Amino acid sequence: MSRIMILAGGWPGHNPDEIADYLESFMRSGHEVMRASDLNVLRPEVLSTVDILVLVWTYGEITDEQIQALMQAVQSGMGLMAWHGSTSAFLANRPYKFLLGGQWVDHPGGDHVAYSVNFSDDPLTKGLADIDVVTEQNYYLIDPSVKIVASTRIQSKDKPWIYGVETPIAWKRDWGAGKVFYCALGHKTEDIDSPSIKELISRTLRWLARGSAA
């Protein structure tokens, strides 16, 4: 059983509490789940007691002490699972961008784009059925050292220079003794309420847990 902390907050337009409620209801089975809404929990004495930090956060500011505590905790073996707007969190903080591995740029077509999510043959996603969603389709700048495990192709022609370009939906990376996972879905709870995403969450929690095999 892992000790999971869900840290949800930031810009209210992404309904962080609603997404956190959904994730908590799913993760509570078989895990000890805590909730926080204040970045003040990003302290060594707190994070050392956490196996997996689940980040549901958009915009906001993080202090140097807080990002160093977060990075060191992952370096020491804590897993980090980040959702949706987390690629737009702490925009002025470069170390955070290094840790997460990607930066949101735009969602051409708005928040009502129909597209398919295609899963790779990575162990986290192997055998998962591709899904169709109607939601934001995000475009990212990506650290080339991450491993993309799910992707889509831009459907909107709002910005023709990226029409048809493959863009990530989910990726993972190692960070010292710890691991990092990001999923773009989660603009609304319906986006992550599917058998494939639920199975992906279960697999990812096992992968992120302290001491798990890579």
Protein backbone atom coordinates (compact mmCIF):
# COMPACT_ATOMS: atom_id res chain seq x y z
CA MET A 1 0.00 0.00 0.00
CA SER A 2 1.39 3.39 -1.02
CA ARG A 3 0.99 6.66 0.85
CA ILE A 4 -0.39 9.08 -1.75
CA MET A 5 -0.77 12.83 -1.35
CA ILE A 6 -3.03 14.64 -3.82
CA LEU A 7 -1.96 18.29 -4.04
CA ALA A 8 -4.74 20.20 -5.83
CA GLY A 9 -5.16 23.91 -6.35
CA GLY A 10 -4.01 26.87 -8.39
CA TRP A 11 -6.28 28.36 -11.04
CA PRO A 12 -9.91 27.43 -10.23
CA GLY A 13 -10.87 27.37 -13.93
CA HIS A 14 -9.52 23.81 -14.18
CA ASN A 15 -11.73 22.62 -11.31
CA PRO A 16 -8.84 21.10 -9.34
CA ASP A 17 -11.02 19.94 -6.45
CA GLU A 18 -13.40 18.09 -8.77
CA ILE A 19 -10.55 16.28 -10.52
CA ALA A 20 -8.89 15.54 -7.17
CA ASP A 21 -12.17 14.15 -5.80
CA TYR A 22 -12.40 11.76 -8.75
CA LEU A 23 -8.79 10.63 -8.44
CA GLU A 24 -9.09 10.18 -4.70
CA SER A 25 -12.23 8.05 -5.03
CA PHE A 26 -10.37 5.78 -7.46
CA MET A 27 -7.05 5.67 -5.59
CA ARG A 28 -8.50 5.13 -2.11
CA SER A 29 -8.87 1.41 -2.76
CA GLY A 30 -5.60 -0.19 -1.72
CA HIS A 31 -3.78 3.04 -0.85
CA GLU A 32 -3.59 5.58 1.93
CA VAL A 33 -4.64 8.89 0.36
CA MET A 34 -4.15 12.37 1.81
CA ARG A 35 -5.27 15.71 0.38
CA ALA A 36 -3.58 19.11 0.42
CA SER A 37 -4.31 22.46 -1.22
CA ASP A 38 -1.33 24.48 -0.01
CA LEU A 39 2.15 24.41 -1.56
CA ASN A 40 3.51 24.69 1.96
CA VAL A 41 3.44 20.87 2.08
CA LEU A 42 6.42 20.90 -0.30
CA ARG A 43 8.88 20.51 2.56
CA PRO A 44 11.40 17.72 3.11
CA GLU A 45 9.87 16.61 6.41
CA VAL A 46 6.47 16.19 4.73
CA LEU A 47 7.52 14.72 1.38
CA SER A 48 9.77 12.13 3.05
CA THR A 49 6.58 10.50 4.37
CA VAL A 50 4.93 10.35 0.91
CA ASP A 51 5.38 7.58 -1.65
CA ILE A 52 3.56 9.32 -4.53
CA LEU A 53 2.63 12.97 -4.98
CA VAL A 54 -0.31 13.56 -7.34
CA LEU A 55 -0.22 17.13 -8.68
CA VAL A 56 -3.43 18.76 -9.94
CA TRP A 57 -2.30 22.37 -10.25
CA THR A 58 -2.42 25.19 -12.83
CA TYR A 59 -0.50 28.50 -12.75
CA GLY A 60 0.57 29.78 -9.33
CA GLU A 61 4.06 30.44 -8.01
CA ILE A 62 6.47 28.10 -6.28
CA THR A 63 9.37 29.22 -4.09
CA ASP A 64 12.97 28.13 -4.54
CA GLU A 65 12.75 26.16 -1.30
CA GLN A 66 9.59 24.38 -2.42
CA ILE A 67 10.89 23.32 -5.85
CA GLN A 68 14.15 22.14 -4.33
CA ALA A 69 12.22 20.06 -1.79
CA LEU A 70 10.08 18.57 -4.56
CA MET A 71 13.02 17.78 -6.83
CA GLN A 72 15.03 16.24 -3.99
CA ALA A 73 12.06 14.13 -2.89
CA VAL A 74 11.71 12.67 -6.40
CA GLN A 75 15.48 12.24 -6.66
CA SER A 76 15.30 10.22 -3.44
CA GLY A 77 12.55 7.92 -4.67
CA MET A 78 9.16 9.63 -4.40
CA GLY A 79 6.96 9.26 -7.47
CA LEU A 80 5.32 12.29 -9.12
CA MET A 81 2.05 11.96 -11.07
CA ALA A 82 0.95 15.22 -12.70
CA TRP A 83 -2.29 15.98 -14.54
CA HIS A 84 -3.55 18.34 -17.23
CA GLY A 85 -2.82 21.94 -16.21
CA SER A 86 0.36 20.95 -14.37
CA THR A 87 2.28 21.75 -17.56
CA SER A 88 1.14 25.35 -17.03
CA ALA A 89 1.98 25.43 -13.34
CA PHE A 90 4.76 27.67 -11.98
CA LEU A 91 5.46 29.22 -15.37
CA ALA A 92 8.44 31.26 -14.20
CA ASN A 93 10.24 28.28 -12.65
CA ARG A 94 12.73 26.55 -14.94
CA PRO A 95 13.74 23.74 -12.54
CA TYR A 96 10.08 22.65 -12.41
CA LYS A 97 10.00 22.44 -16.22
CA PHE A 98 13.10 20.23 -16.12
CA LEU A 99 11.46 17.92 -13.60
CA LEU A 100 8.12 17.60 -15.36
CA GLY A 101 9.58 17.33 -18.86
CA GLY A 102 7.16 19.44 -20.89
CA GLN A 103 5.49 22.83 -21.26
CA TRP A 104 1.95 23.54 -22.49
CA VAL A 105 1.77 25.93 -25.45
CA ASP A 106 -1.83 25.95 -26.72
CA HIS A 107 -5.06 24.00 -27.21
CA PRO A 108 -6.03 24.79 -30.82
CA GLY A 109 -9.75 24.45 -31.40
CA GLY A 110 -10.71 25.24 -27.82
CA ASP A 111 -12.14 22.78 -25.31
CA HIS A 112 -14.50 20.83 -27.60
CA VAL A 113 -12.24 18.97 -30.03
CA ALA A 114 -12.97 15.35 -30.97
CA TYR A 115 -9.84 13.21 -31.21
CA SER A 116 -8.39 9.78 -30.51
CA VAL A 117 -5.85 8.91 -27.82
CA ASN A 118 -3.40 6.27 -29.06
CA PHE A 119 -1.41 4.20 -26.57
CA SER A 120 2.12 2.91 -27.19
CA ASP A 121 3.51 -0.56 -26.45
CA ASP A 122 5.31 0.70 -23.34
CA PRO A 123 4.67 -1.51 -20.26
CA LEU A 124 2.49 1.27 -18.77
CA THR A 125 0.18 1.32 -21.78
CA LYS A 126 0.67 -1.96 -23.66
CA GLY A 127 -2.66 -3.53 -24.60
CA LEU A 128 -4.80 -0.55 -23.58
CA ALA A 129 -7.65 0.17 -25.97
CA ASP A 130 -7.35 3.53 -27.71
CA ILE A 131 -10.05 5.98 -26.63
CA ASP A 132 -11.98 8.82 -28.25
CA VAL A 133 -12.57 12.03 -26.32
CA VAL A 134 -14.14 15.44 -26.88
CA THR A 135 -12.17 17.95 -24.87
CA GLU A 136 -9.09 20.18 -25.07
CA GLN A 137 -6.38 18.89 -27.40
CA ASN A 138 -3.13 20.27 -26.09
CA TYR A 139 0.12 21.07 -27.86
CA TYR A 140 3.40 20.88 -25.93
CA LEU A 141 7.09 21.65 -26.06
CA ILE A 142 8.72 18.42 -24.85
CA ASP A 143 12.01 17.48 -23.23
CA PRO A 144 13.52 14.93 -25.66
CA SER A 145 14.60 12.77 -22.74
CA VAL A 146 11.04 11.79 -21.73
CA LYS A 147 9.34 8.60 -22.98
CA ILE A 148 5.98 9.31 -24.65
CA VAL A 149 3.45 6.58 -23.87
CA ALA A 150 0.28 8.03 -25.42
CA SER A 151 -0.25 10.53 -28.22
CA THR A 152 -2.70 12.11 -30.63
CA ARG A 153 -2.65 14.24 -33.79
CA ILE A 154 -3.77 17.87 -33.81
CA GLN A 155 -7.22 18.05 -35.42
CA SER A 156 -7.93 21.78 -35.47
CA LYS A 157 -6.79 23.98 -38.35
CA ASP A 158 -6.82 27.10 -36.17
CA LYS A 159 -3.03 27.04 -36.34
CA PRO A 160 -2.30 25.37 -39.68
CA TRP A 161 1.44 25.02 -39.03
CA ILE A 162 0.70 22.31 -36.43
CA TYR A 163 -2.33 20.67 -38.08
CA GLY A 164 -1.81 16.90 -38.16
CA VAL A 165 1.29 17.06 -35.94
CA GLU A 166 1.62 14.25 -33.40
CA THR A 167 1.55 15.59 -29.84
CA PRO A 168 1.85 13.74 -26.52
CA ILE A 169 -1.02 12.81 -24.25
CA ALA A 170 1.12 11.10 -21.60
CA TRP A 171 4.80 10.63 -20.89
CA LYS A 172 7.10 9.27 -18.22
CA ARG A 173 10.68 9.73 -17.08
CA ASP A 174 13.16 8.59 -14.45
CA TRP A 175 14.57 11.19 -12.07
CA GLY A 176 17.29 9.78 -9.87
CA ALA A 177 15.74 7.06 -7.71
CA GLY A 178 12.25 8.41 -8.45
CA LYS A 179 9.93 8.57 -11.43
CA VAL A 180 7.69 11.19 -13.07
CA PHE A 181 4.46 10.68 -15.03
CA TYR A 182 2.29 13.28 -16.77
CA CYS A 183 -1.12 12.93 -18.45
CA ALA A 184 -2.72 15.74 -20.47
CA LEU A 185 -6.27 14.54 -19.90
CA GLY A 186 -8.32 15.86 -17.00
CA HIS A 187 -9.86 19.09 -18.24
CA LYS A 188 -13.04 17.48 -16.92
CA THR A 189 -13.65 14.22 -15.09
CA GLU A 190 -15.29 12.59 -18.13
CA ASP A 191 -11.92 12.73 -19.90
CA ILE A 192 -10.37 10.27 -17.44
CA ASP A 193 -13.44 8.15 -16.69
CA SER A 194 -12.72 5.23 -19.03
CA PRO A 195 -11.44 1.67 -18.50
CA SER A 196 -8.19 2.43 -20.34
CA ILE A 197 -7.36 5.50 -18.22
CA LYS A 198 -8.33 3.73 -14.99
CA GLU A 199 -6.02 0.86 -15.87
CA LEU A 200 -3.29 3.34 -16.81
CA ILE A 201 -3.65 5.01 -13.40
CA SER A 202 -3.39 1.66 -11.62
CA ARG A 203 -0.30 0.64 -13.56
CA THR A 204 1.31 4.04 -13.08
CA LEU A 205 0.76 4.03 -9.32
CA ARG A 206 2.56 0.68 -9.09
CA TRP A 207 5.38 2.01 -11.28
CA LEU A 208 5.75 5.24 -9.31
CA ALA A 209 5.78 3.63 -5.87
CA ARG A 210 9.04 3.88 -3.90
CA GLY A 211 11.31 0.94 -4.62
CA SER A 212 9.36 -0.34 -7.63
CA ALA A 213 11.27 -1.91 -10.50
CA ALA A 214 11.79 0.37 -13.51
